[in-house]
Amino acid sequence: MPNFEPKKLALLRILSILKSNSNYNHPLTHEQIIKYLNKDYGIILERKAVSHNISLLKEAGIKIKSDKRGSYFDDQLLNDSELHLIIDSILASTHISQAQSKSLINRVASISNKYFKKHIKNIYSLEHRNKTLNEQLFKNIEVIDEAIEKNKQIQYTYNKFALDKKLHKSAVHKVSPYQLLLHNQKYYLMARDERWKNLAYHRVDKITDMEIINEPLVDIRTIPGYKNGIDYKELATQMPYFNSTFRPEIIEFYCDESIVDQIVDWFGEDVCFSEENNKIKATIKSNPISTTYWLLQYIQYVEVIGPKSIKNNICKILKDGYERNK
């Protein structure tokens, strides 16, 4: 039994007991509350005193409901379905490390009661998920937000995986940060690289040793193509894979009807479909390098019309791949 607490704390303890141990399907009787008070807090209370405290909590505006079965807390910040959705998102987020996922899930679960926690007892089965190994993600996000707020540049080490499957230093970058983007379950930093003078998209979970430096951020509106700032709709539809090497251009290809759904998913409602030579023709405006990789995924369903450079590049990639694997 714990050390005895003064009875004046009973009001708060009863609220805590109801929050942690009750819901509509699991109301608590006065006798059960008395047992929790004694076992968890060393407070001995009579049934009448429990009833009085519950009435006080209700008068204070706490959403506690009572019926013939007992009393239960009815003011959960998020319902169980919403909590499940958040936990599923954490589990699916490859940019969050395994340790951070466990910690976040524990804190999310603490919003609910013990009955919800029982349903997520297998949340630690994350070993086979493609989780990042970099524990600096959340710190990086905080530094980026602060730098953008203060209009300052940042400097960091960018890392890449080697044969040992560990991150190793690749290069040190000094950039003007503009936006954090969540794309394909990865966080990317959209920034102007001060060395190459172009926009770069760097994976935040591959960044270490980030710090704010005392140099002013370069206004994105001074970068060609961004005089009006960031067009997020255009950015999303033109970047199936983030690549900053080339600006978007008009790309045309014939496609089977079976992949129309995927085309709209990737490139949005601005895709133009038309009929030409008894075929479905798709016209998009997108980054040529990124779109080349996208087209290769669906190569058995598409026929590239132009630009010719993309068509030639796809043929070369397929030919080189065939030579390597024949």
C-alpha atoms as a PDB file:
ATOM      1  CA  MET A   1       0.000   0.000   0.000  1.00  0.00           C
ATOM      2  CA  PRO A   2       1.339   3.489  -0.791  1.00  0.00           C
ATOM      3  CA  ASN A   3       1.904   6.171   1.834  1.00  0.00           C
ATOM      4  CA  PHE A   4      -1.346   7.552   3.150  1.00  0.00           C
ATOM      5  CA  GLU A   5      -2.479  10.768   1.464  1.00  0.00           C
ATOM      6  CA  PRO A   6      -4.723  13.356   3.110  1.00  0.00           C
ATOM      7  CA  LYS A   7      -8.431  12.967   2.376  1.00  0.00           C
ATOM      8  CA  LYS A   8      -8.528  16.469   0.903  1.00  0.00           C
ATOM      9  CA  LEU A   9      -6.818  15.018  -2.178  1.00  0.00           C
ATOM     10  CA  ALA A  10      -9.645  12.531  -2.674  1.00  0.00           C
ATOM     11  CA  LEU A  11     -11.461  14.820  -5.116  1.00  0.00           C
ATOM     12  CA  LEU A  12      -8.487  14.919  -7.507  1.00  0.00           C
ATOM     13  CA  ARG A  13      -7.748  11.218  -7.047  1.00  0.00           C
ATOM     14  CA  ILE A  14     -11.328  10.205  -7.865  1.00  0.00           C
ATOM     15  CA  LEU A  15     -11.130  12.238 -11.070  1.00  0.00           C
ATOM     16  CA  SER A  16      -7.832  10.524 -11.956  1.00  0.00           C
ATOM     17  CA  ILE A  17      -9.317   7.092 -11.225  1.00  0.00           C
ATOM     18  CA  LEU A  18     -12.320   7.752 -13.443  1.00  0.00           C
ATOM     19  CA  LYS A  19     -10.144   9.081 -16.277  1.00  0.00           C
ATOM     20  CA  SER A  20      -7.815   6.060 -16.211  1.00  0.00           C
ATOM     21  CA  ASN A  21     -10.191   3.232 -15.407  1.00  0.00           C
ATOM     22  CA  SER A  22     -13.629   4.034 -16.780  1.00  0.00           C
ATOM     23  CA  ASN A  23     -15.570   4.675 -19.943  1.00  0.00           C
ATOM     24  CA  TYR A  24     -19.135   4.118 -21.121  1.00  0.00           C
ATOM     25  CA  ASN A  25     -18.623   0.353 -21.363  1.00  0.00           C
ATOM     26  CA  HIS A  26     -16.726   0.169 -18.065  1.00  0.00           C
ATOM     27  CA  PRO A  27     -18.368   2.373 -15.409  1.00  0.00           C
ATOM     28  CA  LEU A  28     -17.091   2.212 -11.839  1.00  0.00           C
ATOM     29  CA  THR A  29     -19.267   1.598  -8.806  1.00  0.00           C
ATOM     30  CA  HIS A  30     -18.633   3.513  -5.600  1.00  0.00           C
ATOM     31  CA  GLU A  31     -17.177   0.342  -4.075  1.00  0.00           C
ATOM     32  CA  GLN A  32     -14.688  -0.002  -6.931  1.00  0.00           C
ATOM     33  CA  ILE A  33     -13.633   3.657  -6.567  1.00  0.00           C
ATOM     34  CA  ILE A  34     -13.118   3.116  -2.826  1.00  0.00           C
ATOM     35  CA  LYS A  35     -10.833   0.151  -3.577  1.00  0.00           C
ATOM     36  CA  TYR A  36      -8.765   2.187  -6.089  1.00  0.00           C
ATOM     37  CA  LEU A  37      -8.424   5.046  -3.585  1.00  0.00           C
ATOM     38  CA  ASN A  38      -7.162   2.679  -0.901  1.00  0.00           C
ATOM     39  CA  LYS A  39      -4.889   0.609  -3.141  1.00  0.00           C
ATOM     40  CA  ASP A  40      -3.322   3.411  -5.225  1.00  0.00           C
ATOM     41  CA  TYR A  41      -3.290   6.352  -2.838  1.00  0.00           C
ATOM     42  CA  GLY A  42      -3.838   5.013   0.679  1.00  0.00           C
ATOM     43  CA  ILE A  43      -6.980   7.102   1.048  1.00  0.00           C
ATOM     44  CA  ILE A  44      -9.811   5.516   3.003  1.00  0.00           C
ATOM     45  CA  LEU A  45     -13.189   6.974   2.130  1.00  0.00           C
ATOM     46  CA  GLU A  46     -16.785   6.037   2.801  1.00  0.00           C
ATOM     47  CA  ARG A  47     -19.337   5.476   0.070  1.00  0.00           C
ATOM     48  CA  LYS A  48     -21.218   8.669   0.946  1.00  0.00           C
ATOM     49  CA  ALA A  49     -18.018  10.731   0.652  1.00  0.00           C
ATOM     50  CA  VAL A  50     -17.312   9.246  -2.795  1.00  0.00           C
ATOM     51  CA  SER A  51     -20.790  10.208  -3.957  1.00  0.00           C
ATOM     52  CA  HIS A  52     -20.302  13.754  -2.596  1.00  0.00           C
ATOM     53  CA  ASN A  53     -16.967  14.166  -4.421  1.00  0.00           C
ATOM     54  CA  ILE A  54     -18.423  12.950  -7.704  1.00  0.00           C
ATOM     55  CA  SER A  55     -21.238  15.501  -7.321  1.00  0.00           C
ATOM     56  CA  LEU A  56     -18.642  18.249  -6.732  1.00  0.00           C
ATOM     57  CA  LEU A  57     -16.781  17.265  -9.903  1.00  0.00           C
ATOM     58  CA  LYS A  58     -19.989  17.405 -11.917  1.00  0.00           C
ATOM     59  CA  GLU A  59     -20.818  20.831 -10.455  1.00  0.00           C
ATOM     60  CA  ALA A  60     -17.366  22.024 -11.517  1.00  0.00           C
ATOM     61  CA  GLY A  61     -18.211  21.147 -15.127  1.00  0.00           C
ATOM     62  CA  ILE A  62     -16.259  17.889 -15.343  1.00  0.00           C
ATOM     63  CA  LYS A  63     -18.081  15.563 -17.724  1.00  0.00           C
ATOM     64  CA  ILE A  64     -18.746  12.588 -15.496  1.00  0.00           C
ATOM     65  CA  LYS A  65     -21.889  10.583 -16.137  1.00  0.00           C
ATOM     66  CA  SER A  66     -23.624   8.233 -13.752  1.00  0.00           C
ATOM     67  CA  ASP A  67     -26.308   5.603 -14.204  1.00  0.00           C
ATOM     68  CA  LYS A  68     -27.452   2.521 -12.348  1.00  0.00           C
ATOM     69  CA  ARG A  69     -24.261   0.709 -13.384  1.00  0.00           C
ATOM     70  CA  GLY A  70     -21.917   3.311 -11.879  1.00  0.00           C
ATOM     71  CA  SER A  71     -19.998   6.440 -12.965  1.00  0.00           C
ATOM     72  CA  TYR A  72     -17.598   7.057 -15.838  1.00  0.00           C
ATOM     73  CA  PHE A  73     -15.502   9.835 -17.360  1.00  0.00           C
ATOM     74  CA  ASP A  74     -17.085  11.126 -20.574  1.00  0.00           C
ATOM     75  CA  ASP A  75     -14.769  13.921 -21.729  1.00  0.00           C
ATOM     76  CA  GLN A  76     -11.891  12.172 -23.496  1.00  0.00           C
ATOM     77  CA  LEU A  77      -9.863  14.625 -25.602  1.00  0.00           C
ATOM     78  CA  LEU A  78      -9.860  12.210 -28.556  1.00  0.00           C
ATOM     79  CA  ASN A  79     -12.037   9.146 -29.025  1.00  0.00           C
ATOM     80  CA  ASP A  80     -10.493   5.702 -29.437  1.00  0.00           C
ATOM     81  CA  SER A  81     -10.909   5.661 -33.217  1.00  0.00           C
ATOM     82  CA  GLU A  82      -9.064   8.966 -33.511  1.00  0.00           C
ATOM     83  CA  LEU A  83      -6.289   7.702 -31.228  1.00  0.00           C
ATOM     84  CA  HIS A  84      -5.974   4.540 -33.337  1.00  0.00           C
ATOM     85  CA  LEU A  85      -5.645   6.688 -36.458  1.00  0.00           C
ATOM     86  CA  ILE A  86      -2.836   8.725 -34.865  1.00  0.00           C
ATOM     87  CA  ILE A  87      -1.014   5.581 -33.703  1.00  0.00           C
ATOM     88  CA  ASP A  88      -1.354   3.978 -37.135  1.00  0.00           C
ATOM     89  CA  SER A  89       0.169   7.126 -38.638  1.00  0.00           C
ATOM     90  CA  ILE A  90       3.092   6.960 -36.203  1.00  0.00           C
ATOM     91  CA  LEU A  91       3.684   3.297 -37.033  1.00  0.00           C
ATOM     92  CA  ALA A  92       3.613   4.044 -40.759  1.00  0.00           C
ATOM     93  CA  SER A  93       5.936   7.051 -40.490  1.00  0.00           C
ATOM     94  CA  THR A  94       9.367   5.903 -41.637  1.00  0.00           C
ATOM     95  CA  HIS A  95      10.877   9.288 -40.761  1.00  0.00           C
ATOM     96  CA  ILE A  96      10.315   8.639 -37.034  1.00  0.00           C
ATOM     97  CA  SER A  97      12.809   6.322 -35.326  1.00  0.00           C
ATOM     98  CA  GLN A  98      11.720   3.177 -33.490  1.00  0.00           C
ATOM     99  CA  ALA A  99      12.517   4.648 -30.065  1.00  0.00           C
ATOM    100  CA  GLN A 100      10.680   7.880 -30.830  1.00  0.00           C
ATOM    101  CA  SER A 101       7.688   5.918 -32.147  1.00  0.00           C
ATOM    102  CA  LYS A 102       7.418   3.985 -28.891  1.00  0.00           C
ATOM    103  CA  SER A 103       7.612   7.164 -26.835  1.00  0.00           C
ATOM    104  CA  LEU A 104       5.012   8.965 -28.957  1.00  0.00           C
ATOM    105  CA  ILE A 105       2.612   6.025 -28.899  1.00  0.00           C
ATOM    106  CA  ASN A 106       2.888   5.802 -25.115  1.00  0.00           C
ATOM    107  CA  ARG A 107       1.993   9.468 -24.789  1.00  0.00           C
ATOM    108  CA  VAL A 108      -0.893   9.176 -27.254  1.00  0.00           C
ATOM    109  CA  ALA A 109      -2.230   6.131 -25.405  1.00  0.00           C
ATOM    110  CA  SER A 110      -2.058   7.999 -22.095  1.00  0.00           C
ATOM    111  CA  ILE A 111      -4.844  10.286 -23.344  1.00  0.00           C
ATOM    112  CA  SER A 112      -7.256   7.386 -23.098  1.00  0.00           C
ATOM    113  CA  ASN A 113      -7.840   4.739 -20.423  1.00  0.00           C
ATOM    114  CA  LYS A 114      -6.489   1.304 -19.557  1.00  0.00           C
ATOM    115  CA  TYR A 115      -9.024  -0.431 -21.799  1.00  0.00           C
ATOM    116  CA  PHE A 116      -7.713   1.346 -24.872  1.00  0.00           C
ATOM    117  CA  LYS A 117      -4.116   0.554 -23.895  1.00  0.00           C
ATOM    118  CA  LYS A 118      -4.930  -3.169 -23.828  1.00  0.00           C
ATOM    119  CA  HIS A 119      -5.851  -3.000 -27.516  1.00  0.00           C
ATOM    120  CA  ILE A 120      -2.442  -1.621 -28.502  1.00  0.00           C
ATOM    121  CA  LYS A 121      -0.240  -4.005 -26.520  1.00  0.00           C
ATOM    122  CA  ASN A 122       1.480  -5.073 -29.773  1.00  0.00           C
ATOM    123  CA  ILE A 123       2.587  -1.548 -30.678  1.00  0.00           C
ATOM    124  CA  TYR A 124       6.242  -2.364 -30.119  1.00  0.00           C
ATOM    125  CA  SER A 125       6.426  -4.826 -33.015  1.00  0.00           C
ATOM    126  CA  LEU A 126       8.369  -2.349 -35.115  1.00  0.00           C
ATOM    127  CA  GLU A 127      11.585  -4.249 -35.797  1.00  0.00           C
ATOM    128  CA  HIS A 128      10.701  -5.019 -39.410  1.00  0.00           C
ATOM    129  CA  ARG A 129       9.550  -1.529 -40.279  1.00  0.00           C
ATOM    130  CA  ASN A 130      11.772   0.718 -42.317  1.00  0.00           C
ATOM    131  CA  LYS A 131      12.320   3.221 -39.524  1.00  0.00           C
ATOM    132  CA  THR A 132      14.986   5.896 -39.612  1.00  0.00           C
ATOM    133  CA  LEU A 133      18.067   5.424 -37.432  1.00  0.00           C
ATOM    134  CA  ASN A 134      18.535   9.154 -36.918  1.00  0.00           C
ATOM    135  CA  GLU A 135      17.291  10.341 -33.519  1.00  0.00           C
ATOM    136  CA  GLN A 136      17.787  14.030 -34.391  1.00  0.00           C
ATOM    137  CA  LEU A 137      14.594  14.395 -36.448  1.00  0.00           C
ATOM    138  CA  PHE A 138      12.522  16.355 -33.917  1.00  0.00           C
ATOM    139  CA  LYS A 139      15.447  18.600 -33.014  1.00  0.00           C
ATOM    140  CA  ASN A 140      15.985  19.287 -36.726  1.00  0.00           C
ATOM    141  CA  ILE A 141      12.343  20.276 -37.162  1.00  0.00           C
ATOM    142  CA  GLU A 142      12.567  22.696 -34.229  1.00  0.00           C
ATOM    143  CA  VAL A 143      15.759  24.302 -35.608  1.00  0.00           C
ATOM    144  CA  ILE A 144      14.265  24.640 -39.101  1.00  0.00           C
ATOM    145  CA  ASP A 145      11.090  26.269 -37.716  1.00  0.00           C
ATOM    146  CA  GLU A 146      13.165  28.695 -35.642  1.00  0.00           C
ATOM    147  CA  ALA A 147      15.428  29.578 -38.592  1.00  0.00           C
ATOM    148  CA  ILE A 148      12.451  30.279 -40.882  1.00  0.00           C
ATOM    149  CA  GLU A 149      10.829  32.393 -38.164  1.00  0.00           C
ATOM    150  CA  LYS A 150      14.041  34.405 -37.687  1.00  0.00           C
ATOM    151  CA  ASN A 151      14.846  34.580 -41.441  1.00  0.00           C
ATOM    152  CA  LYS A 152      18.228  32.964 -40.868  1.00  0.00           C
ATOM    153  CA  GLN A 153      20.268  30.397 -42.782  1.00  0.00           C
ATOM    154  CA  ILE A 154      21.179  27.006 -41.357  1.00  0.00           C
ATOM    155  CA  GLN A 155      24.158  24.704 -41.736  1.00  0.00           C
ATOM    156  CA  TYR A 156      24.162  20.936 -41.361  1.00  0.00           C
ATOM    157  CA  THR A 157      25.773  17.650 -42.287  1.00  0.00           C
ATOM    158  CA  TYR A 158      23.943  15.584 -44.888  1.00  0.00           C
ATOM    159  CA  ASN A 159      24.418  11.821 -44.578  1.00  0.00           C
ATOM    160  CA  LYS A 160      23.954   8.837 -46.846  1.00  0.00           C
ATOM    161  CA  PHE A 161      23.759   5.098 -46.238  1.00  0.00           C
ATOM    162  CA  ALA A 162      26.857   3.000 -46.915  1.00  0.00           C
ATOM    163  CA  LEU A 163      27.290  -0.772 -47.289  1.00  0.00           C
ATOM    164  CA  ASP A 164      27.186  -1.176 -43.523  1.00  0.00           C
ATOM    165  CA  LYS A 165      23.605   0.200 -43.694  1.00  0.00           C
ATOM    166  CA  LYS A 166      24.556   3.095 -41.444  1.00  0.00           C
ATOM    167  CA  LEU A 167      24.460   6.807 -42.165  1.00  0.00           C
ATOM    168  CA  HIS A 168      27.797   8.404 -43.028  1.00  0.00           C
ATOM    169  CA  LYS A 169      28.754  12.011 -43.666  1.00  0.00           C
ATOM    170  CA  SER A 170      28.321  12.996 -47.305  1.00  0.00           C
ATOM    171  CA  ALA A 171      28.637  16.781 -47.338  1.00  0.00           C
ATOM    172  CA  VAL A 172      28.149  19.926 -45.287  1.00  0.00           C
ATOM    173  CA  HIS A 173      25.450  22.268 -46.595  1.00  0.00           C
ATOM    174  CA  LYS A 174      24.663  25.889 -45.880  1.00  0.00           C
ATOM    175  CA  VAL A 175      21.123  26.695 -46.969  1.00  0.00           C
ATOM    176  CA  SER A 176      18.255  29.146 -46.780  1.00  0.00           C
ATOM    177  CA  PRO A 177      15.339  27.075 -45.429  1.00  0.00           C
ATOM    178  CA  TYR A 178      11.840  27.739 -46.798  1.00  0.00           C
ATOM    179  CA  GLN A 179       9.496  24.888 -45.991  1.00  0.00           C
ATOM    180  CA  LEU A 180       9.185  21.424 -44.462  1.00  0.00           C
ATOM    181  CA  LEU A 181       7.352  19.049 -46.813  1.00  0.00           C
ATOM    182  CA  LEU A 182       5.932  15.620 -45.979  1.00  0.00           C
ATOM    183  CA  HIS A 183       6.161  13.496 -49.138  1.00  0.00           C
ATOM    184  CA  ASN A 184       5.988   9.716 -49.546  1.00  0.00           C
ATOM    185  CA  GLN A 185       6.139   9.321 -45.730  1.00  0.00           C
ATOM    186  CA  LYS A 186       9.380  11.307 -45.544  1.00  0.00           C
ATOM    187  CA  TYR A 187      10.105  14.810 -44.316  1.00  0.00           C
ATOM    188  CA  TYR A 188      11.982  16.986 -46.812  1.00  0.00           C
ATOM    189  CA  LEU A 189      13.519  20.389 -46.292  1.00  0.00           C
ATOM    190  CA  MET A 190      12.927  22.716 -49.230  1.00  0.00           C
ATOM    191  CA  ALA A 191      15.885  25.110 -49.236  1.00  0.00           C
ATOM    192  CA  ARG A 192      18.271  27.130 -51.416  1.00  0.00           C
ATOM    193  CA  ASP A 193      21.733  25.628 -51.389  1.00  0.00           C
ATOM    194  CA  GLU A 194      24.241  28.445 -50.967  1.00  0.00           C
ATOM    195  CA  ARG A 195      26.970  26.577 -52.835  1.00  0.00           C
ATOM    196  CA  TRP A 196      25.018  25.563 -55.914  1.00  0.00           C
ATOM    197  CA  LYS A 197      22.554  28.484 -55.838  1.00  0.00           C
ATOM    198  CA  ASN A 198      19.588  26.224 -56.560  1.00  0.00           C
ATOM    199  CA  LEU A 199      16.669  24.687 -54.704  1.00  0.00           C
ATOM    200  CA  ALA A 200      17.379  21.424 -52.943  1.00  0.00           C
ATOM    201  CA  TYR A 201      15.135  18.883 -51.235  1.00  0.00           C
ATOM    202  CA  HIS A 202      16.992  17.168 -48.403  1.00  0.00           C
ATOM    203  CA  ARG A 203      15.612  14.341 -46.268  1.00  0.00           C
ATOM    204  CA  VAL A 204      15.343  15.705 -42.740  1.00  0.00           C
ATOM    205  CA  ASP A 205      15.984  12.276 -41.195  1.00  0.00           C
ATOM    206  CA  LYS A 206      19.372  12.180 -42.956  1.00  0.00           C
ATOM    207  CA  ILE A 207      20.502  15.503 -41.495  1.00  0.00           C
ATOM    208  CA  THR A 208      22.713  15.808 -38.409  1.00  0.00           C
ATOM    209  CA  ASP A 209      24.573  18.590 -36.592  1.00  0.00           C
ATOM    210  CA  MET A 210      22.101  21.271 -37.684  1.00  0.00           C
ATOM    211  CA  GLU A 211      22.586  24.806 -36.415  1.00  0.00           C
ATOM    212  CA  ILE A 212      21.347  28.304 -37.182  1.00  0.00           C
ATOM    213  CA  ILE A 213      24.014  30.659 -38.538  1.00  0.00           C
ATOM    214  CA  ASN A 214      23.991  34.433 -38.406  1.00  0.00           C
ATOM    215  CA  GLU A 215      23.405  35.027 -42.109  1.00  0.00           C
ATOM    216  CA  PRO A 216      20.130  36.306 -43.590  1.00  0.00           C
ATOM    217  CA  LEU A 217      17.840  33.911 -45.426  1.00  0.00           C
ATOM    218  CA  VAL A 218      17.705  34.501 -49.194  1.00  0.00           C
ATOM    219  CA  ASP A 219      14.151  35.449 -50.171  1.00  0.00           C
ATOM    220  CA  ILE A 220      12.640  32.616 -52.233  1.00  0.00           C
ATOM    221  CA  ARG A 221      10.981  35.219 -54.477  1.00  0.00           C
ATOM    222  CA  THR A 222      14.436  36.047 -55.886  1.00  0.00           C
ATOM    223  CA  ILE A 223      14.758  32.499 -57.258  1.00  0.00           C
ATOM    224  CA  PRO A 224      13.660  32.072 -60.911  1.00  0.00           C
ATOM    225  CA  GLY A 225      10.180  30.562 -61.060  1.00  0.00           C
ATOM    226  CA  TYR A 226       9.272  31.548 -57.497  1.00  0.00           C
ATOM    227  CA  LYS A 227       8.603  35.280 -57.783  1.00  0.00           C
ATOM    228  CA  ASN A 228       5.166  34.716 -56.205  1.00  0.00           C
ATOM    229  CA  GLY A 229       6.469  32.359 -53.528  1.00  0.00           C
ATOM    230  CA  ILE A 230       5.677  28.652 -53.221  1.00  0.00           C
ATOM    231  CA  ASP A 231       2.692  27.270 -55.140  1.00  0.00           C
ATOM    232  CA  TYR A 232       1.981  24.163 -53.053  1.00  0.00           C
ATOM    233  CA  LYS A 233      -0.538  22.668 -55.457  1.00  0.00           C
ATOM    234  CA  GLU A 234       1.898  23.003 -58.329  1.00  0.00           C
ATOM    235  CA  LEU A 235       4.715  21.612 -56.207  1.00  0.00           C
ATOM    236  CA  ALA A 236       2.706  18.542 -55.199  1.00  0.00           C
ATOM    237  CA  THR A 237       1.605  17.657 -58.723  1.00  0.00           C
ATOM    238  CA  GLN A 238       4.956  18.337 -60.379  1.00  0.00           C
ATOM    239  CA  MET A 239       7.149  16.366 -58.023  1.00  0.00           C
ATOM    240  CA  PRO A 240       6.302  12.636 -57.916  1.00  0.00           C
ATOM    241  CA  TYR A 241       9.859  12.307 -56.597  1.00  0.00           C
ATOM    242  CA  PHE A 242      11.694  15.330 -55.265  1.00  0.00           C
ATOM    243  CA  ASN A 243      14.377  16.442 -57.677  1.00  0.00           C
ATOM    244  CA  SER A 244      15.540  20.024 -58.083  1.00  0.00           C
ATOM    245  CA  THR A 245      17.774  19.610 -61.113  1.00  0.00           C
ATOM    246  CA  PHE A 246      15.257  20.774 -63.724  1.00  0.00           C
ATOM    247  CA  ARG A 247      12.218  23.018 -63.794  1.00  0.00           C
ATOM    248  CA  PRO A 248       8.853  21.460 -64.735  1.00  0.00           C
ATOM    249  CA  GLU A 249       7.949  21.175 -68.397  1.00  0.00           C
ATOM    250  CA  ILE A 250       5.088  19.824 -70.504  1.00  0.00           C
ATOM    251  CA  ILE A 251       5.220  16.018 -70.856  1.00  0.00           C
ATOM    252  CA  GLU A 252       2.873  13.951 -73.026  1.00  0.00           C
ATOM    253  CA  PHE A 253       2.298  10.205 -73.177  1.00  0.00           C
ATOM    254  CA  TYR A 254      -0.279   7.666 -74.240  1.00  0.00           C
ATOM    255  CA  CYS A 255      -1.615   5.492 -71.459  1.00  0.00           C
ATOM    256  CA  ASP A 256      -3.859   2.508 -70.840  1.00  0.00           C
ATOM    257  CA  GLU A 257      -7.167   3.327 -69.183  1.00  0.00           C
ATOM    258  CA  SER A 258      -6.211   0.994 -66.322  1.00  0.00           C
ATOM    259  CA  ILE A 259      -3.679   3.513 -64.932  1.00  0.00           C
ATOM    260  CA  VAL A 260      -5.744   6.684 -65.279  1.00  0.00           C
ATOM    261  CA  ASP A 261      -6.529   6.444 -61.571  1.00  0.00           C
ATOM    262  CA  GLN A 262      -2.808   6.318 -60.662  1.00  0.00           C
ATOM    263  CA  ILE A 263      -2.025   9.250 -62.963  1.00  0.00           C
ATOM    264  CA  VAL A 264      -4.596  11.450 -61.254  1.00  0.00           C
ATOM    265  CA  ASP A 265      -3.372  10.289 -57.837  1.00  0.00           C
ATOM    266  CA  TRP A 266       0.191  11.323 -58.645  1.00  0.00           C
ATOM    267  CA  PHE A 267      -0.295  14.446 -60.738  1.00  0.00           C
ATOM    268  CA  GLY A 268      -3.638  15.789 -59.554  1.00  0.00           C
ATOM    269  CA  GLU A 269      -6.702  17.133 -61.325  1.00  0.00           C
ATOM    270  CA  ASP A 270      -4.680  19.383 -63.629  1.00  0.00           C
ATOM    271  CA  VAL A 271      -3.789  16.379 -65.798  1.00  0.00           C
ATOM    272  CA  CYS A 272      -5.308  16.816 -69.244  1.00  0.00           C
ATOM    273  CA  PHE A 273      -6.727  13.668 -70.895  1.00  0.00           C
ATOM    274  CA  SER A 274      -7.657  13.601 -74.554  1.00  0.00           C
ATOM    275  CA  GLU A 275      -8.152  11.073 -77.343  1.00  0.00           C
ATOM    276  CA  GLU A 276      -5.593  10.822 -80.126  1.00  0.00           C
ATOM    277  CA  ASN A 277      -5.069   8.011 -82.652  1.00  0.00           C
ATOM    278  CA  ASN A 278      -7.678   5.964 -80.756  1.00  0.00           C
ATOM    279  CA  LYS A 279      -5.517   6.178 -77.668  1.00  0.00           C
ATOM    280  CA  ILE A 280      -5.766   8.013 -74.349  1.00  0.00           C
ATOM    281  CA  LYS A 281      -3.314  10.887 -74.277  1.00  0.00           C
ATOM    282  CA  ALA A 282      -2.190  12.386 -70.967  1.00  0.00           C
ATOM    283  CA  THR A 283      -0.590  15.816 -70.763  1.00  0.00           C
ATOM    284  CA  ILE A 284       1.090  16.925 -67.538  1.00  0.00           C
ATOM    285  CA  LYS A 285       3.448  19.631 -66.369  1.00  0.00           C
ATOM    286  CA  SER A 286       6.129  18.050 -64.236  1.00  0.00           C
ATOM    287  CA  ASN A 287       9.813  17.715 -63.443  1.00  0.00           C
ATOM    288  CA  PRO A 288      11.372  15.663 -66.296  1.00  0.00           C
ATOM    289  CA  ILE A 289      13.803  13.682 -64.133  1.00  0.00           C
ATOM    290  CA  SER A 290      11.184  12.779 -61.523  1.00  0.00           C
ATOM    291  CA  THR A 291       8.603  11.916 -64.177  1.00  0.00           C
ATOM    292  CA  THR A 292      11.078   9.695 -66.010  1.00  0.00           C
ATOM    293  CA  TYR A 293      11.305   7.474 -62.920  1.00  0.00           C
ATOM    294  CA  TRP A 294       7.540   7.534 -62.533  1.00  0.00           C
ATOM    295  CA  LEU A 295       7.009   6.513 -66.171  1.00  0.00           C
ATOM    296  CA  LEU A 296       9.444   3.619 -65.759  1.00  0.00           C
ATOM    297  CA  GLN A 297       7.172   2.166 -63.065  1.00  0.00           C
ATOM    298  CA  TYR A 298       4.306   2.000 -65.560  1.00  0.00           C
ATOM    299  CA  ILE A 299       6.343   1.412 -68.708  1.00  0.00           C
ATOM    300  CA  GLN A 300       4.151  -1.511 -69.830  1.00  0.00           C
ATOM    301  CA  TYR A 301       1.131   0.815 -69.781  1.00  0.00           C
ATOM    302  CA  VAL A 302       2.555   3.991 -71.325  1.00  0.00           C
ATOM    303  CA  GLU A 303       4.049   5.260 -74.580  1.00  0.00           C
ATOM    304  CA  VAL A 304       5.998   8.503 -74.241  1.00  0.00           C
ATOM    305  CA  ILE A 305       5.263  11.137 -76.898  1.00  0.00           C
ATOM    306  CA  GLY A 306       7.551  13.896 -75.728  1.00  0.00           C
ATOM    307  CA  PRO A 307       9.799  15.572 -74.950  1.00  0.00           C
ATOM    308  CA  LYS A 308      12.084  13.356 -76.994  1.00  0.00           C
ATOM    309  CA  SER A 309      14.796  13.652 -74.342  1.00  0.00           C
ATOM    310  CA  ILE A 310      12.607  11.760 -71.858  1.00  0.00           C
ATOM    311  CA  LYS A 311      11.746   9.109 -74.429  1.00  0.00           C
ATOM    312  CA  ASN A 312      15.436   8.632 -75.280  1.00  0.00           C
ATOM    313  CA  ASN A 313      16.426   8.531 -71.616  1.00  0.00           C
ATOM    314  CA  ILE A 314      13.836   5.851 -70.837  1.00  0.00           C
ATOM    315  CA  CYS A 315      15.016   3.744 -73.793  1.00  0.00           C
ATOM    316  CA  LYS A 316      18.633   4.069 -72.626  1.00  0.00           C
ATOM    317  CA  ILE A 317      17.747   3.109 -69.041  1.00  0.00           C
ATOM    318  CA  LEU A 318      15.789   0.070 -70.220  1.00  0.00           C
ATOM    319  CA  LYS A 319      18.556  -0.963 -72.621  1.00  0.00           C
ATOM    320  CA  ASP A 320      21.255  -0.595 -69.969  1.00  0.00           C
ATOM    321  CA  GLY A 321      19.103  -2.512 -67.513  1.00  0.00           C
ATOM    322  CA  TYR A 322      18.564  -5.300 -70.021  1.00  0.00           C
ATOM    323  CA  GLU A 323      22.296  -5.568 -70.731  1.00  0.00           C
ATOM    324  CA  ARG A 324      23.061  -5.798 -67.027  1.00  0.00           C
ATOM    325  CA  ASN A 325      20.408  -8.413 -66.299  1.00  0.00           C
ATOM    326  CA  LYS A 326      20.085 -10.550 -69.399  1.00  0.00           C
END
